Amino acid sequence: MRLLQRILLGVFVVLGLLAVGLHLYARSKRTQETDYHLTLRKTLTVTSSSFPPGGDMPVNCTCKGQEVSPALNWDGDIPGVESYVILTTDYDVPTPAFPLFNLSHWVVYNLPDVVHSLPEGVSAEQMRMLGGKTGKNGAGALAFIGPCPPVGRHAYVFRVYALDQALTFEETPDKQSVLNAMQGHVLAYGELTGYFQ
């Protein structure tokens, strides 16, 4: 019986240490991203007809509905723009009280400078016609992951970046690959946060 108790205690200790390690890593990555954004010009205004700033995202955009991407609009008088990037992240997984990792919900890049909006539920065909490309989300798929929080009210941060060039990749990029590639090429950015529980 004592051996079993020791084994169980050991398992709980290992799991606890793993959770703390993941939490510290997630917090560190979020801090790095926050610090990076402080170096950028936040002069793009991002809005959505799907939800108000700081408001709740509609069920239709979540796993409880059709899981379609929300409508996004952005504007700003930014000279020299060649392309736009959209990155959407949930920093509260699995719970805002103790996040263990940051989940990338949407990666869109190389939207031409003439595109300043995306409709709700933009399809792969519409994205192609607009000239944009979709990268890998946190699950490795080329799609928008609708909010589906297991615990608590999560914040979903939609960031739009104006770049002075289009991005090129040898293979389909994920969020980090896009962030790395656009270093030194961001003319401005803006963000919009929606919530869902």
N, C-alpha and C. Protein backbone atom coordinates (compact mmCIF):
# COMPACT_ATOMS: atom_id res chain seq x y z
N MET A 1 0.83 -1.20 0.00
CA MET A 1 0.00 0.00 0.00
C MET A 1 0.87 1.27 0.00
N ARG A 2 1.95 1.23 0.83
CA ARG A 2 2.83 2.38 0.89
C ARG A 2 3.52 2.63 -0.45
N LEU A 3 3.88 1.56 -1.13
CA LEU A 3 4.54 1.69 -2.43
C LEU A 3 3.60 2.38 -3.42
N LEU A 4 2.34 1.95 -3.42
CA LEU A 4 1.35 2.55 -4.31
C LEU A 4 1.17 4.04 -3.99
N GLN A 5 1.13 4.37 -2.71
CA GLN A 5 0.99 5.77 -2.31
C GLN A 5 2.18 6.60 -2.78
N ARG A 6 3.36 6.03 -2.67
CA ARG A 6 4.56 6.74 -3.11
C ARG A 6 4.56 6.94 -4.62
N ILE A 7 4.11 5.92 -5.34
CA ILE A 7 4.04 6.03 -6.80
C ILE A 7 3.05 7.13 -7.19
N LEU A 8 1.88 7.11 -6.55
CA LEU A 8 0.86 8.13 -6.85
C LEU A 8 1.36 9.52 -6.50
N LEU A 9 2.02 9.65 -5.37
CA LEU A 9 2.57 10.93 -4.96
C LEU A 9 3.61 11.40 -5.98
N GLY A 10 4.44 10.48 -6.43
CA GLY A 10 5.45 10.82 -7.43
C GLY A 10 4.83 11.29 -8.73
N VAL A 11 3.76 10.61 -9.14
CA VAL A 11 3.05 11.00 -10.37
C VAL A 11 2.47 12.40 -10.22
N PHE A 12 1.84 12.69 -9.07
CA PHE A 12 1.25 14.01 -8.84
C PHE A 12 2.32 15.09 -8.81
N VAL A 13 3.45 14.79 -8.22
CA VAL A 13 4.55 15.77 -8.17
C VAL A 13 5.06 16.07 -9.58
N VAL A 14 5.26 15.02 -10.38
CA VAL A 14 5.74 15.19 -11.75
C VAL A 14 4.74 16.00 -12.56
N LEU A 15 3.45 15.66 -12.44
CA LEU A 15 2.41 16.40 -13.18
C LEU A 15 2.36 17.85 -12.74
N GLY A 16 2.51 18.07 -11.43
CA GLY A 16 2.50 19.43 -10.91
C GLY A 16 3.67 20.25 -11.44
N LEU A 17 4.85 19.64 -11.44
CA LEU A 17 6.03 20.33 -11.97
C LEU A 17 5.89 20.61 -13.46
N LEU A 18 5.30 19.66 -14.19
CA LEU A 18 5.08 19.85 -15.62
C LEU A 18 4.11 21.01 -15.87
N ALA A 19 3.03 21.06 -15.08
CA ALA A 19 2.05 22.14 -15.23
C ALA A 19 2.68 23.49 -14.94
N VAL A 20 3.49 23.57 -13.89
CA VAL A 20 4.15 24.82 -13.54
C VAL A 20 5.12 25.23 -14.65
N GLY A 21 5.86 24.25 -15.19
CA GLY A 21 6.78 24.54 -16.29
C GLY A 21 6.06 25.07 -17.52
N LEU A 22 4.95 24.44 -17.88
CA LEU A 22 4.17 24.89 -19.03
C LEU A 22 3.60 26.29 -18.79
N HIS A 23 3.12 26.52 -17.58
CA HIS A 23 2.56 27.83 -17.24
C HIS A 23 3.61 28.92 -17.36
N LEU A 24 4.80 28.67 -16.82
CA LEU A 24 5.88 29.67 -16.89
C LEU A 24 6.31 29.92 -18.33
N TYR A 25 6.35 28.85 -19.14
CA TYR A 25 6.74 29.00 -20.54
C TYR A 25 5.68 29.81 -21.30
N ALA A 26 4.40 29.50 -21.07
CA ALA A 26 3.31 30.23 -21.75
C ALA A 26 3.34 31.70 -21.35
N ARG A 27 3.56 31.96 -20.08
CA ARG A 27 3.61 33.35 -19.61
C ARG A 27 4.81 34.08 -20.22
N SER A 28 5.94 33.38 -20.33
CA SER A 28 7.13 33.97 -20.93
C SER A 28 6.90 34.33 -22.40
N LYS A 29 6.26 33.41 -23.14
CA LYS A 29 5.99 33.67 -24.56
C LYS A 29 5.04 34.85 -24.73
N ARG A 30 4.04 34.92 -23.84
CA ARG A 30 3.09 36.03 -23.92
C ARG A 30 3.80 37.35 -23.62
N THR A 31 4.68 37.35 -22.63
CA THR A 31 5.44 38.55 -22.29
C THR A 31 6.33 38.98 -23.44
N GLN A 32 6.97 38.00 -24.10
CA GLN A 32 7.81 38.32 -25.26
C GLN A 32 6.99 38.99 -26.36
N GLU A 33 5.79 38.46 -26.62
CA GLU A 33 4.94 39.04 -27.65
C GLU A 33 4.47 40.43 -27.24
N THR A 34 4.13 40.61 -25.97
CA THR A 34 3.70 41.92 -25.49
C THR A 34 4.82 42.93 -25.65
N ASP A 35 6.03 42.56 -25.26
CA ASP A 35 7.18 43.45 -25.39
C ASP A 35 7.45 43.79 -26.85
N TYR A 36 7.30 42.80 -27.73
CA TYR A 36 7.51 43.03 -29.16
C TYR A 36 6.50 44.05 -29.68
N HIS A 37 5.25 43.92 -29.29
CA HIS A 37 4.23 44.82 -29.79
C HIS A 37 4.40 46.25 -29.27
N LEU A 38 5.06 46.39 -28.14
CA LEU A 38 5.35 47.73 -27.63
C LEU A 38 6.34 48.49 -28.51
N THR A 39 7.07 47.75 -29.35
CA THR A 39 8.04 48.39 -30.24
C THR A 39 7.39 48.80 -31.58
N LEU A 40 6.14 48.41 -31.80
CA LEU A 40 5.47 48.67 -33.07
C LEU A 40 4.52 49.87 -32.97
N ARG A 41 4.22 50.46 -34.10
CA ARG A 41 3.25 51.56 -34.16
C ARG A 41 1.84 50.96 -34.19
N LYS A 42 1.05 51.28 -33.17
CA LYS A 42 -0.31 50.75 -33.10
C LYS A 42 -1.27 51.79 -33.70
N THR A 43 -1.23 51.89 -35.03
CA THR A 43 -2.01 52.92 -35.71
C THR A 43 -3.08 52.36 -36.65
N LEU A 44 -3.24 51.06 -36.67
CA LEU A 44 -4.34 50.47 -37.42
C LEU A 44 -5.54 50.33 -36.49
N THR A 45 -6.71 50.65 -36.99
CA THR A 45 -7.95 50.47 -36.23
C THR A 45 -8.64 49.21 -36.73
N VAL A 46 -8.84 48.24 -35.84
CA VAL A 46 -9.45 46.97 -36.22
C VAL A 46 -10.82 46.88 -35.58
N THR A 47 -11.84 46.58 -36.39
CA THR A 47 -13.21 46.44 -35.90
C THR A 47 -13.83 45.19 -36.50
N SER A 48 -15.00 44.84 -36.00
CA SER A 48 -15.74 43.68 -36.52
C SER A 48 -17.23 43.94 -36.42
N SER A 49 -17.95 43.57 -37.47
CA SER A 49 -19.41 43.65 -37.42
C SER A 49 -19.98 42.42 -36.73
N SER A 50 -19.11 41.45 -36.40
CA SER A 50 -19.55 40.22 -35.73
C SER A 50 -19.64 40.39 -34.21
N PHE A 51 -18.79 41.26 -33.64
CA PHE A 51 -18.82 41.49 -32.19
C PHE A 51 -18.17 42.84 -31.89
N PRO A 52 -18.57 43.48 -30.79
CA PRO A 52 -18.00 44.78 -30.44
C PRO A 52 -16.64 44.63 -29.78
N PRO A 53 -15.83 45.68 -29.75
CA PRO A 53 -14.53 45.61 -29.07
C PRO A 53 -14.69 45.22 -27.60
N GLY A 54 -13.98 44.19 -27.18
CA GLY A 54 -14.07 43.74 -25.81
C GLY A 54 -15.37 43.03 -25.47
N GLY A 55 -16.16 42.72 -26.51
CA GLY A 55 -17.45 42.07 -26.30
C GLY A 55 -17.39 40.57 -26.53
N ASP A 56 -18.53 39.93 -26.36
CA ASP A 56 -18.61 38.49 -26.55
C ASP A 56 -18.73 38.15 -28.03
N MET A 57 -17.97 37.14 -28.44
CA MET A 57 -18.05 36.67 -29.82
C MET A 57 -19.35 35.91 -30.02
N PRO A 58 -19.95 36.00 -31.21
CA PRO A 58 -21.22 35.30 -31.45
C PRO A 58 -21.04 33.79 -31.47
N VAL A 59 -22.07 33.08 -31.05
CA VAL A 59 -22.02 31.62 -31.00
C VAL A 59 -21.67 31.03 -32.36
N ASN A 60 -22.13 31.68 -33.43
CA ASN A 60 -21.88 31.16 -34.78
C ASN A 60 -20.39 31.08 -35.10
N CYS A 61 -19.57 31.89 -34.43
CA CYS A 61 -18.12 31.88 -34.67
C CYS A 61 -17.39 30.90 -33.76
N THR A 62 -18.12 30.15 -32.94
CA THR A 62 -17.50 29.26 -31.96
C THR A 62 -17.81 27.79 -32.27
N CYS A 63 -17.24 26.91 -31.44
CA CYS A 63 -17.47 25.48 -31.63
C CYS A 63 -18.90 25.08 -31.30
N LYS A 64 -19.65 25.99 -30.67
CA LYS A 64 -21.06 25.71 -30.37
C LYS A 64 -21.97 26.10 -31.52
N GLY A 65 -21.37 26.71 -32.55
CA GLY A 65 -22.11 27.10 -33.75
C GLY A 65 -21.47 26.54 -35.00
N GLN A 66 -21.35 27.38 -36.02
CA GLN A 66 -20.77 26.95 -37.30
C GLN A 66 -19.25 27.05 -37.31
N GLU A 67 -18.67 27.66 -36.28
CA GLU A 67 -17.22 27.84 -36.17
C GLU A 67 -16.65 28.60 -37.37
N VAL A 68 -17.36 29.68 -37.77
CA VAL A 68 -16.88 30.50 -38.88
C VAL A 68 -16.04 31.64 -38.34
N SER A 69 -15.14 32.13 -39.15
CA SER A 69 -14.31 33.27 -38.76
C SER A 69 -15.17 34.53 -38.68
N PRO A 70 -14.87 35.43 -37.76
CA PRO A 70 -15.64 36.67 -37.67
C PRO A 70 -15.28 37.64 -38.79
N ALA A 71 -16.16 38.57 -39.04
CA ALA A 71 -15.84 39.64 -40.00
C ALA A 71 -14.80 40.55 -39.37
N LEU A 72 -13.84 41.00 -40.18
CA LEU A 72 -12.83 41.92 -39.70
C LEU A 72 -12.66 43.08 -40.67
N ASN A 73 -12.48 44.27 -40.12
CA ASN A 73 -12.20 45.46 -40.92
C ASN A 73 -11.03 46.20 -40.29
N TRP A 74 -10.19 46.77 -41.11
CA TRP A 74 -9.07 47.55 -40.58
C TRP A 74 -8.81 48.75 -41.47
N ASP A 75 -8.41 49.85 -40.84
CA ASP A 75 -8.08 51.04 -41.60
C ASP A 75 -7.00 51.83 -40.89
N GLY A 76 -6.34 52.63 -41.66
CA GLY A 76 -5.24 53.45 -41.17
C GLY A 76 -4.49 53.99 -42.35
N ASP A 77 -4.07 55.24 -42.28
CA ASP A 77 -3.35 55.86 -43.39
C ASP A 77 -1.87 55.50 -43.27
N ILE A 78 -1.54 54.31 -43.83
CA ILE A 78 -0.18 53.78 -43.71
C ILE A 78 0.46 53.73 -45.09
N PRO A 79 1.37 54.66 -45.39
CA PRO A 79 2.03 54.62 -46.71
C PRO A 79 3.02 53.46 -46.81
N GLY A 80 3.15 52.92 -48.01
CA GLY A 80 4.14 51.88 -48.26
C GLY A 80 3.70 50.47 -47.93
N VAL A 81 2.41 50.27 -47.66
CA VAL A 81 1.94 48.92 -47.32
C VAL A 81 1.92 48.03 -48.55
N GLU A 82 2.47 46.83 -48.43
CA GLU A 82 2.46 45.85 -49.51
C GLU A 82 1.54 44.67 -49.19
N SER A 83 1.41 44.34 -47.91
CA SER A 83 0.56 43.21 -47.54
C SER A 83 0.12 43.32 -46.08
N TYR A 84 -0.89 42.51 -45.75
CA TYR A 84 -1.40 42.45 -44.38
C TYR A 84 -1.33 41.02 -43.85
N VAL A 85 -1.12 40.94 -42.54
CA VAL A 85 -1.10 39.66 -41.83
C VAL A 85 -2.14 39.73 -40.72
N ILE A 86 -2.84 38.62 -40.48
CA ILE A 86 -3.78 38.52 -39.36
C ILE A 86 -3.38 37.31 -38.51
N LEU A 87 -3.18 37.54 -37.22
CA LEU A 87 -2.86 36.47 -36.28
C LEU A 87 -3.86 36.53 -35.13
N THR A 88 -4.44 35.40 -34.80
CA THR A 88 -5.42 35.33 -33.71
C THR A 88 -4.94 34.33 -32.67
N THR A 89 -4.92 34.76 -31.41
CA THR A 89 -4.36 33.93 -30.35
C THR A 89 -5.24 33.94 -29.10
N ASP A 90 -5.35 32.78 -28.47
CA ASP A 90 -5.97 32.64 -27.14
C ASP A 90 -4.83 32.35 -26.17
N TYR A 91 -4.58 33.28 -25.25
CA TYR A 91 -3.49 33.12 -24.28
C TYR A 91 -3.97 32.48 -22.98
N ASP A 92 -5.22 32.04 -22.93
CA ASP A 92 -5.83 31.58 -21.68
C ASP A 92 -6.07 30.08 -21.59
N VAL A 93 -5.40 29.28 -22.39
CA VAL A 93 -5.66 27.84 -22.44
C VAL A 93 -4.92 27.11 -21.31
N PRO A 94 -5.57 26.23 -20.54
CA PRO A 94 -6.99 25.87 -20.61
C PRO A 94 -7.90 26.78 -19.80
N THR A 95 -7.32 27.61 -18.90
CA THR A 95 -8.12 28.50 -18.06
C THR A 95 -7.38 29.81 -17.84
N PRO A 96 -8.08 30.94 -17.84
CA PRO A 96 -7.41 32.22 -17.60
C PRO A 96 -6.70 32.28 -16.26
N ALA A 97 -7.17 31.50 -15.29
CA ALA A 97 -6.57 31.51 -13.96
C ALA A 97 -5.18 30.87 -13.95
N PHE A 98 -4.96 29.90 -14.84
CA PHE A 98 -3.67 29.21 -14.87
C PHE A 98 -3.42 28.68 -16.28
N PRO A 99 -3.10 29.59 -17.22
CA PRO A 99 -2.86 29.16 -18.61
C PRO A 99 -1.60 28.31 -18.73
N LEU A 100 -1.69 27.28 -19.59
CA LEU A 100 -0.55 26.39 -19.81
C LEU A 100 0.08 26.57 -21.18
N PHE A 101 -0.68 27.10 -22.13
CA PHE A 101 -0.09 27.39 -23.43
C PHE A 101 -0.95 28.40 -24.18
N ASN A 102 -0.35 28.98 -25.22
CA ASN A 102 -1.01 29.96 -26.08
C ASN A 102 -1.44 29.25 -27.36
N LEU A 103 -2.73 29.31 -27.67
CA LEU A 103 -3.23 28.61 -28.84
C LEU A 103 -3.46 29.57 -30.00
N SER A 104 -2.81 29.27 -31.12
CA SER A 104 -2.98 30.06 -32.33
C SER A 104 -4.27 29.61 -33.03
N HIS A 105 -5.23 30.53 -33.19
CA HIS A 105 -6.52 30.20 -33.78
C HIS A 105 -6.61 30.49 -35.27
N TRP A 106 -5.77 31.41 -35.75
CA TRP A 106 -5.90 31.79 -37.16
C TRP A 106 -4.61 32.46 -37.62
N VAL A 107 -4.12 32.05 -38.77
CA VAL A 107 -2.93 32.65 -39.38
C VAL A 107 -3.26 32.97 -40.83
N VAL A 108 -3.28 34.26 -41.15
CA VAL A 108 -3.55 34.71 -42.52
C VAL A 108 -2.42 35.65 -42.91
N TYR A 109 -1.89 35.50 -44.10
CA TYR A 109 -0.79 36.36 -44.53
C TYR A 109 -0.89 36.67 -46.02
N ASN A 110 -0.14 37.67 -46.43
CA ASN A 110 -0.07 38.12 -47.83
C ASN A 110 -1.39 38.61 -48.40
N LEU A 111 -2.25 39.17 -47.52
CA LEU A 111 -3.42 39.87 -48.05
C LEU A 111 -2.92 41.13 -48.74
N PRO A 112 -3.33 41.39 -49.97
CA PRO A 112 -2.84 42.57 -50.69
C PRO A 112 -3.21 43.88 -50.00
N ASP A 113 -2.47 44.93 -50.31
CA ASP A 113 -2.68 46.22 -49.67
C ASP A 113 -4.07 46.81 -49.92
N VAL A 114 -4.73 46.38 -50.99
CA VAL A 114 -6.06 46.92 -51.30
C VAL A 114 -7.17 46.26 -50.48
N VAL A 115 -6.84 45.16 -49.80
CA VAL A 115 -7.84 44.46 -48.99
C VAL A 115 -7.82 45.03 -47.57
N HIS A 116 -8.97 45.52 -47.13
CA HIS A 116 -9.07 46.12 -45.79
C HIS A 116 -10.17 45.46 -44.96
N SER A 117 -10.68 44.32 -45.43
CA SER A 117 -11.72 43.64 -44.66
C SER A 117 -11.85 42.19 -45.11
N LEU A 118 -12.39 41.38 -44.21
CA LEU A 118 -12.76 40.00 -44.52
C LEU A 118 -14.19 39.78 -44.05
N PRO A 119 -15.00 39.11 -44.84
CA PRO A 119 -16.38 38.86 -44.42
C PRO A 119 -16.45 37.77 -43.36
N GLU A 120 -17.53 37.73 -42.62
CA GLU A 120 -17.72 36.64 -41.66
C GLU A 120 -17.80 35.32 -42.42
N GLY A 121 -17.10 34.33 -41.90
CA GLY A 121 -17.12 33.01 -42.54
C GLY A 121 -16.39 32.98 -43.87
N VAL A 122 -15.31 33.75 -43.99
CA VAL A 122 -14.58 33.78 -45.26
C VAL A 122 -14.13 32.36 -45.62
N SER A 123 -14.42 31.95 -46.85
CA SER A 123 -14.08 30.60 -47.29
C SER A 123 -12.67 30.56 -47.87
N ALA A 124 -12.15 29.35 -48.06
CA ALA A 124 -10.83 29.19 -48.66
C ALA A 124 -10.81 29.78 -50.07
N GLU A 125 -11.92 29.60 -50.79
CA GLU A 125 -12.01 30.13 -52.15
C GLU A 125 -12.03 31.66 -52.14
N GLN A 126 -12.79 32.25 -51.21
CA GLN A 126 -12.81 33.71 -51.10
C GLN A 126 -11.43 34.25 -50.73
N MET A 127 -10.76 33.55 -49.82
CA MET A 127 -9.42 33.98 -49.41
C MET A 127 -8.48 33.95 -50.61
N ARG A 128 -8.58 32.90 -51.41
CA ARG A 128 -7.73 32.79 -52.59
C ARG A 128 -8.03 33.92 -53.57
N MET A 129 -9.32 34.22 -53.77
CA MET A 129 -9.70 35.29 -54.69
C MET A 129 -9.24 36.66 -54.19
N LEU A 130 -9.20 36.84 -52.88
CA LEU A 130 -8.72 38.09 -52.31
C LEU A 130 -7.20 38.21 -52.41
N GLY A 131 -6.53 37.08 -52.62
CA GLY A 131 -5.08 37.08 -52.75
C GLY A 131 -4.34 36.70 -51.49
N GLY A 132 -5.07 36.38 -50.42
CA GLY A 132 -4.45 36.01 -49.17
C GLY A 132 -4.15 34.53 -49.06
N LYS A 133 -3.33 34.18 -48.07
CA LYS A 133 -3.00 32.78 -47.82
C LYS A 133 -3.24 32.46 -46.35
N THR A 134 -3.57 31.21 -46.08
CA THR A 134 -3.81 30.77 -44.71
C THR A 134 -2.69 29.86 -44.24
N GLY A 135 -2.15 30.18 -43.07
CA GLY A 135 -1.10 29.35 -42.49
C GLY A 135 -1.68 28.34 -41.53
N LYS A 136 -0.80 27.63 -40.84
CA LYS A 136 -1.22 26.58 -39.91
C LYS A 136 -1.64 27.18 -38.57
N ASN A 137 -2.82 26.75 -38.10
CA ASN A 137 -3.23 27.15 -36.76
C ASN A 137 -2.55 26.25 -35.72
N GLY A 138 -2.91 26.41 -34.45
CA GLY A 138 -2.27 25.64 -33.39
C GLY A 138 -2.51 24.15 -33.48
N ALA A 139 -3.51 23.74 -34.26
CA ALA A 139 -3.79 22.32 -34.45
C ALA A 139 -3.15 21.79 -35.73
N GLY A 140 -2.46 22.67 -36.45
CA GLY A 140 -1.79 22.25 -37.68
C GLY A 140 -2.66 22.30 -38.92
N ALA A 141 -3.90 22.82 -38.78
CA ALA A 141 -4.81 22.89 -39.92
C ALA A 141 -4.80 24.28 -40.54
N LEU A 142 -5.21 24.36 -41.81
CA LEU A 142 -5.26 25.64 -42.52
C LEU A 142 -6.66 26.21 -42.42
N ALA A 143 -7.04 26.63 -41.23
CA ALA A 143 -8.40 27.11 -41.00
C ALA A 143 -8.46 27.94 -39.73
N PHE A 144 -9.61 28.55 -39.53
CA PHE A 144 -9.89 29.29 -38.30
C PHE A 144 -10.40 28.30 -37.26
N ILE A 145 -9.83 28.34 -36.05
CA ILE A 145 -10.34 27.53 -34.95
C ILE A 145 -11.30 28.40 -34.15
N GLY A 146 -12.55 28.02 -34.11
CA GLY A 146 -13.52 28.78 -33.34
C GLY A 146 -13.28 28.64 -31.85
N PRO A 147 -13.59 29.67 -31.08
CA PRO A 147 -13.45 29.60 -29.62
C PRO A 147 -14.21 28.41 -29.04
N CYS A 148 -13.56 27.70 -28.13
CA CYS A 148 -14.16 26.53 -27.49
C CYS A 148 -13.50 26.33 -26.12
N PRO A 149 -13.61 27.35 -25.26
CA PRO A 149 -12.88 27.31 -23.98
C PRO A 149 -13.39 26.22 -23.05
N PRO A 150 -12.49 25.41 -22.49
CA PRO A 150 -12.91 24.37 -21.56
C PRO A 150 -13.33 24.91 -20.20
N VAL A 151 -12.64 25.98 -19.76
CA VAL A 151 -12.92 26.56 -18.45
C VAL A 151 -12.77 28.07 -18.51
N GLY A 152 -13.74 28.81 -18.01
CA GLY A 152 -13.63 30.26 -17.88
C GLY A 152 -13.90 31.04 -19.15
N ARG A 153 -13.82 32.35 -19.02
CA ARG A 153 -14.06 33.28 -20.13
C ARG A 153 -12.71 33.64 -20.76
N HIS A 154 -12.50 33.19 -21.97
CA HIS A 154 -11.22 33.38 -22.64
C HIS A 154 -11.24 34.63 -23.52
N ALA A 155 -10.07 35.24 -23.66
CA ALA A 155 -9.89 36.39 -24.54
C ALA A 155 -9.25 35.92 -25.85
N TYR A 156 -9.80 36.36 -26.96
CA TYR A 156 -9.28 36.01 -28.29
C TYR A 156 -8.80 37.29 -28.95
N VAL A 157 -7.47 37.37 -29.15
CA VAL A 157 -6.86 38.60 -29.65
C VAL A 157 -6.62 38.49 -31.16
N PHE A 158 -7.28 39.37 -31.91
CA PHE A 158 -7.12 39.44 -33.36
C PHE A 158 -6.19 40.61 -33.66
N ARG A 159 -5.02 40.32 -34.22
CA ARG A 159 -4.07 41.37 -34.56
C ARG A 159 -3.88 41.43 -36.07
N VAL A 160 -3.92 42.64 -36.60
CA VAL A 160 -3.70 42.87 -38.03
C VAL A 160 -2.42 43.70 -38.17
N TYR A 161 -1.53 43.26 -39.04
CA TYR A 161 -0.24 43.91 -39.25
C TYR A 161 -0.14 44.41 -40.69
N ALA A 162 0.34 45.63 -40.87
CA ALA A 162 0.63 46.17 -42.19
C ALA A 162 2.13 46.01 -42.44
N LEU A 163 2.47 45.32 -43.52
CA LEU A 163 3.89 45.06 -43.83
C LEU A 163 4.34 45.81 -45.07
N ASP A 164 5.65 46.03 -45.16
CA ASP A 164 6.20 46.71 -46.34
C ASP A 164 6.59 45.74 -47.44
N GLN A 165 6.24 44.46 -47.27
CA GLN A 165 6.52 43.46 -48.29
C GLN A 165 5.59 42.26 -48.09
N ALA A 166 5.51 41.43 -49.12
CA ALA A 166 4.82 40.15 -48.98
C ALA A 166 5.81 39.16 -48.38
N LEU A 167 5.31 38.11 -47.77
CA LEU A 167 6.17 37.12 -47.13
C LEU A 167 6.31 35.88 -48.00
N THR A 168 7.47 35.28 -47.99
CA THR A 168 7.70 34.04 -48.75
C THR A 168 8.18 32.95 -47.80
N PHE A 169 7.68 31.74 -48.02
CA PHE A 169 8.03 30.59 -47.18
C PHE A 169 8.25 29.38 -48.08
N GLU A 170 9.13 28.51 -47.66
CA GLU A 170 9.36 27.27 -48.41
C GLU A 170 8.25 26.27 -48.15
N GLU A 171 7.63 26.36 -46.97
CA GLU A 171 6.50 25.49 -46.66
C GLU A 171 5.47 26.31 -45.89
N THR A 172 4.27 25.78 -45.76
CA THR A 172 3.20 26.52 -45.11
C THR A 172 3.60 26.89 -43.68
N PRO A 173 3.56 28.18 -43.35
CA PRO A 173 4.05 28.63 -42.04
C PRO A 173 3.01 28.51 -40.93
N ASP A 174 3.52 28.47 -39.71
CA ASP A 174 2.65 28.60 -38.54
C ASP A 174 2.83 30.02 -38.01
N LYS A 175 2.19 30.31 -36.88
CA LYS A 175 2.24 31.67 -36.33
C LYS A 175 3.66 32.14 -36.07
N GLN A 176 4.47 31.30 -35.43
CA GLN A 176 5.82 31.72 -35.08
C GLN A 176 6.66 32.00 -36.32
N SER A 177 6.48 31.18 -37.36
CA SER A 177 7.21 31.40 -38.62
C SER A 177 6.85 32.75 -39.23
N VAL A 178 5.56 33.10 -39.17
CA VAL A 178 5.11 34.39 -39.71
C VAL A 178 5.68 35.53 -38.86
N LEU A 179 5.61 35.39 -37.53
CA LEU A 179 6.18 36.42 -36.66
C LEU A 179 7.66 36.64 -36.95
N ASN A 180 8.38 35.55 -37.13
CA ASN A 180 9.81 35.65 -37.42
C ASN A 180 10.07 36.34 -38.76
N ALA A 181 9.28 35.95 -39.77
CA ALA A 181 9.50 36.47 -41.12
C ALA A 181 9.17 37.95 -41.24
N MET A 182 8.24 38.44 -40.45
CA MET A 182 7.84 39.84 -40.60
C MET A 182 8.63 40.80 -39.70
N GLN A 183 9.59 40.26 -38.94
CA GLN A 183 10.45 41.12 -38.11
C GLN A 183 11.13 42.16 -38.98
N GLY A 184 11.02 43.42 -38.59
CA GLY A 184 11.65 44.50 -39.33
C GLY A 184 10.85 45.00 -40.52
N HIS A 185 9.67 44.40 -40.76
CA HIS A 185 8.87 44.80 -41.92
C HIS A 185 7.47 45.28 -41.54
N VAL A 186 7.21 45.41 -40.23
CA VAL A 186 5.87 45.85 -39.78
C VAL A 186 5.82 47.37 -39.74
N LEU A 187 4.96 47.95 -40.55
CA LEU A 187 4.79 49.40 -40.58
C LEU A 187 3.83 49.87 -39.49
N ALA A 188 2.85 49.04 -39.19
CA ALA A 188 1.86 49.38 -38.17
C ALA A 188 1.04 48.13 -37.86
N TYR A 189 0.34 48.18 -36.74
CA TYR A 189 -0.56 47.08 -36.41
C TYR A 189 -1.73 47.61 -35.58
N GLY A 190 -2.73 46.78 -35.45
CA GLY A 190 -3.88 47.10 -34.59
C GLY A 190 -4.44 45.78 -34.07
N GLU A 191 -5.26 45.86 -33.04
CA GLU A 191 -5.82 44.64 -32.49
C GLU A 191 -7.24 44.82 -31.99
N LEU A 192 -7.93 43.71 -31.92
CA LEU A 192 -9.31 43.67 -31.45
C LEU A 192 -9.45 42.40 -30.61
N THR A 193 -10.04 42.54 -29.43
CA THR A 193 -10.21 41.38 -28.55
C THR A 193 -11.67 41.05 -28.37
N GLY A 194 -11.99 39.76 -28.56
CA GLY A 194 -13.33 39.26 -28.30
C GLY A 194 -13.27 38.19 -27.22
N TYR A 195 -14.38 37.95 -26.57
CA TYR A 195 -14.42 36.98 -25.46
C TYR A 195 -15.47 35.91 -25.71
N PHE A 196 -15.25 34.76 -25.08
CA PHE A 196 -16.25 33.71 -25.13
C PHE A 196 -16.05 32.76 -23.94
N GLN A 197 -17.16 32.30 -23.41
CA GLN A 197 -17.11 31.35 -22.28
C GLN A 197 -18.02 30.16 -22.56
